[in-house]
Amino acid sequence: MAARFALNRFYREKVWERKAAAYTAIFEALHFIDNWYGKHFDAYITQRDMTDDETAKLRTASVDAEAELERRLASETWLIPDKCRLRLAKLTTDLKKREEDWFTYLDAGQATLKTATDELREMVHADLHLYSRPRVMLFRFLRRRRERKQRLKWQKQSSSLQTPKAS
């Protein structure tokens, strides 16, 4: 029985490691895609022309990241939950939409990536069980305790400022 439990745990840990590696690659790809939007957005805001070399490097990194993202989704389709895959598919279709002008296109791309990354991060936390309920409860308790101490400290300071000292 012990050997069977150990083997099952080993398999679960291997699947967890594969998922973690897949999610890491996906977030790296999203970073490089976001970098393309961010650099172009900054150049537009500051009204700076980007050099051809800089543009080519960004384009190459972004295209490579998009290819890596598609490759990961295809190769790890059995591993990544449907909810994550559907969200990533929606992200890629949203990024391919063309807007009326360059500024709107860059702004919408960055906003789409930010929203998708935040949603995916929550999905990954749930899928990998990174934040278990007891751990979350402990952190909430400690945060509230720290806030309470700060509030009490502030109240003591403000009350000492209000009471006049006898001379």
Protein backbone atom coordinates (compact mmCIF):
# COMPACT_ATOMS: atom_id res chain seq x y z
CA MET A 1 0.00 0.00 0.00
CA ALA A 2 2.78 2.41 0.90
CA ALA A 3 4.52 1.79 -2.42
CA ARG A 4 1.28 2.43 -4.30
CA PHE A 5 0.70 5.72 -2.44
CA ALA A 6 4.28 6.77 -3.10
CA LEU A 7 3.96 5.98 -6.81
CA ASN A 8 0.70 7.92 -7.07
CA ARG A 9 2.28 10.88 -5.32
CA PHE A 10 5.27 10.69 -7.68
CA TYR A 11 2.95 10.80 -10.72
CA ARG A 12 0.99 13.75 -9.31
CA GLU A 13 4.21 15.64 -8.65
CA LYS A 14 5.48 14.97 -12.19
CA VAL A 15 2.23 16.26 -13.67
CA TRP A 16 2.45 19.33 -11.40
CA GLU A 17 6.02 19.98 -12.60
CA ARG A 18 4.98 19.67 -16.26
CA LYS A 19 2.08 22.05 -15.69
CA ALA A 20 4.35 24.53 -13.94
CA ALA A 21 6.83 24.40 -16.84
CA ALA A 22 4.03 24.88 -19.38
CA TYR A 23 2.55 27.81 -17.49
CA THR A 24 5.99 29.38 -17.11
CA ALA A 25 6.57 29.19 -20.86
CA ILE A 26 3.13 30.67 -21.52
CA PHE A 27 3.73 33.61 -19.18
CA GLU A 28 7.17 34.20 -20.71
CA ALA A 29 5.58 34.33 -24.16
CA LEU A 30 2.94 36.76 -22.91
CA HIS A 31 5.72 38.92 -21.48
CA PHE A 32 7.51 39.18 -24.83
CA ILE A 33 4.26 39.94 -26.65
CA ASP A 34 3.43 42.61 -24.07
CA ASN A 35 6.95 44.00 -24.45
CA TRP A 36 6.26 44.65 -28.14
CA TYR A 37 3.10 46.60 -27.32
CA GLY A 38 4.75 48.44 -24.43
CA LYS A 39 7.82 49.62 -26.35
CA HIS A 40 5.75 50.81 -29.30
CA PHE A 41 3.29 52.52 -26.95
CA ASP A 42 6.11 54.31 -25.12
CA ALA A 43 7.64 55.41 -28.42
CA TYR A 44 4.28 56.75 -29.57
CA ILE A 45 3.63 58.64 -26.32
CA THR A 46 7.09 60.22 -26.26
CA GLN A 47 6.88 60.86 -30.03
CA ARG A 48 10.14 59.05 -30.55
CA ASP A 49 10.97 57.12 -33.70
CA MET A 50 12.23 53.63 -33.08
CA THR A 51 15.27 52.46 -35.01
CA ASP A 52 14.87 49.72 -37.59
CA ASP A 53 17.14 47.47 -35.54
CA GLU A 54 15.07 47.99 -32.40
CA THR A 55 11.82 47.37 -34.27
CA ALA A 56 13.21 44.22 -35.88
CA LYS A 57 14.37 42.83 -32.51
CA LEU A 58 10.97 43.49 -30.95
CA ARG A 59 9.15 41.97 -33.92
CA THR A 60 11.36 38.87 -33.87
CA ALA A 61 10.90 38.39 -30.11
CA SER A 62 7.13 38.87 -30.40
CA VAL A 63 6.75 36.50 -33.36
CA ASP A 64 8.90 33.89 -31.59
CA ALA A 65 6.80 34.31 -28.44
CA GLU A 66 3.55 33.88 -30.36
CA ALA A 67 4.95 30.73 -32.00
CA GLU A 68 6.07 29.41 -28.59
CA LEU A 69 2.65 30.14 -27.14
CA GLU A 70 0.90 28.27 -29.95
CA ARG A 71 3.38 25.38 -29.70
CA ARG A 72 2.88 25.08 -25.94
CA LEU A 73 -0.88 25.14 -26.27
CA ALA A 74 -0.76 22.44 -28.92
CA SER A 75 1.75 20.20 -27.16
CA GLU A 76 0.33 20.56 -23.65
CA THR A 77 -3.34 20.43 -24.63
CA TRP A 78 -3.90 17.37 -22.45
CA LEU A 79 -2.33 19.09 -19.48
CA ILE A 80 -3.74 22.62 -19.51
CA PRO A 81 -7.37 22.96 -18.39
CA ASP A 82 -9.96 23.91 -20.99
CA LYS A 83 -10.71 27.17 -19.20
CA CYS A 84 -7.09 28.33 -19.62
CA ARG A 85 -6.89 27.17 -23.22
CA LEU A 86 -10.12 28.98 -24.10
CA ARG A 87 -8.91 32.17 -22.40
CA LEU A 88 -5.63 32.03 -24.33
CA ALA A 89 -7.51 31.40 -27.59
CA LYS A 90 -9.70 34.43 -26.87
CA LEU A 91 -6.57 36.46 -26.15
CA THR A 92 -4.96 35.57 -29.48
CA THR A 93 -8.12 36.45 -31.42
CA ASP A 94 -8.49 39.73 -29.50
CA LEU A 95 -4.89 40.68 -30.27
CA LYS A 96 -5.46 40.13 -34.00
CA LYS A 97 -8.27 42.69 -34.10
CA ARG A 98 -7.32 45.89 -35.85
CA GLU A 99 -8.32 49.23 -34.42
CA GLU A 100 -8.95 52.52 -36.16
CA ASP A 101 -5.64 54.12 -35.29
CA TRP A 102 -2.20 53.12 -34.00
CA PHE A 103 -2.65 54.51 -30.48
CA THR A 104 -5.95 52.69 -29.97
CA TYR A 105 -4.43 49.49 -31.32
CA LEU A 106 -1.48 49.64 -28.91
CA ASP A 107 -3.62 50.67 -25.94
CA ALA A 108 -6.20 47.96 -26.59
CA GLY A 109 -3.45 45.35 -27.01
CA GLN A 110 -1.83 46.25 -23.71
CA ALA A 111 -5.18 46.28 -21.89
CA THR A 112 -6.14 42.93 -23.40
CA LEU A 113 -2.83 41.38 -22.35
CA LYS A 114 -3.05 42.79 -18.83
CA THR A 115 -6.58 41.49 -18.30
CA ALA A 116 -5.77 38.08 -19.76
CA THR A 117 -2.58 37.74 -17.71
CA ASP A 118 -4.41 38.58 -14.49
CA GLU A 119 -7.19 36.09 -15.25
CA LEU A 120 -4.70 33.39 -16.24
CA ARG A 121 -2.69 33.95 -13.08
CA GLU A 122 -5.78 33.25 -10.98
CA MET A 123 -6.55 30.14 -13.03
CA VAL A 124 -3.00 28.87 -12.63
CA HIS A 125 -3.05 29.46 -8.87
CA ALA A 126 -6.24 27.42 -8.65
CA ASP A 127 -4.97 24.69 -10.99
CA LEU A 128 -1.63 24.25 -9.22
CA HIS A 129 -3.16 24.72 -5.75
CA LEU A 130 -0.58 27.36 -4.94
CA TYR A 131 -2.71 29.11 -2.38
CA SER A 132 -4.34 26.52 -0.20
CA ARG A 133 -7.17 27.63 2.07
CA PRO A 134 -5.21 27.36 5.34
CA ARG A 135 -2.37 29.41 3.89
CA VAL A 136 -4.76 32.10 2.66
CA MET A 137 -6.47 32.20 6.03
CA LEU A 138 -3.12 32.58 7.79
CA PHE A 139 -2.05 35.47 5.54
CA ARG A 140 -5.40 37.22 6.03
CA PHE A 141 -5.10 36.85 9.79
CA LEU A 142 -1.56 38.25 9.80
CA ARG A 143 -2.50 41.14 7.51
CA ARG A 144 -5.49 42.09 9.69
CA ARG A 145 -3.37 41.86 12.80
CA ARG A 146 -0.71 44.13 11.27
CA GLU A 147 -3.38 46.62 10.15
CA ARG A 148 -4.94 46.59 13.61
CA LYS A 149 -1.59 47.30 15.24
CA GLN A 150 -0.99 50.18 12.86
CA ARG A 151 -4.46 51.55 13.52
CA LEU A 152 -3.98 51.33 17.29
CA LYS A 153 -0.55 52.91 17.00
CA TRP A 154 -2.03 55.77 15.00
CA GLN A 155 -4.89 56.23 17.50
CA LYS A 156 -2.43 56.40 20.40
CA GLN A 157 -0.36 59.02 18.59
CA SER A 158 -3.38 61.15 17.69
CA SER A 159 -4.82 60.99 21.21
CA SER A 160 -1.50 62.04 22.74
CA LEU A 161 -1.46 65.05 20.40
CA GLN A 162 -4.96 66.11 21.47
CA THR A 163 -4.45 66.02 25.26
CA PRO A 164 -2.70 69.12 26.50
CA LYS A 165 0.24 68.54 28.76
CA ALA A 166 0.20 70.13 32.20
CA SER A 167 3.08 72.47 32.87
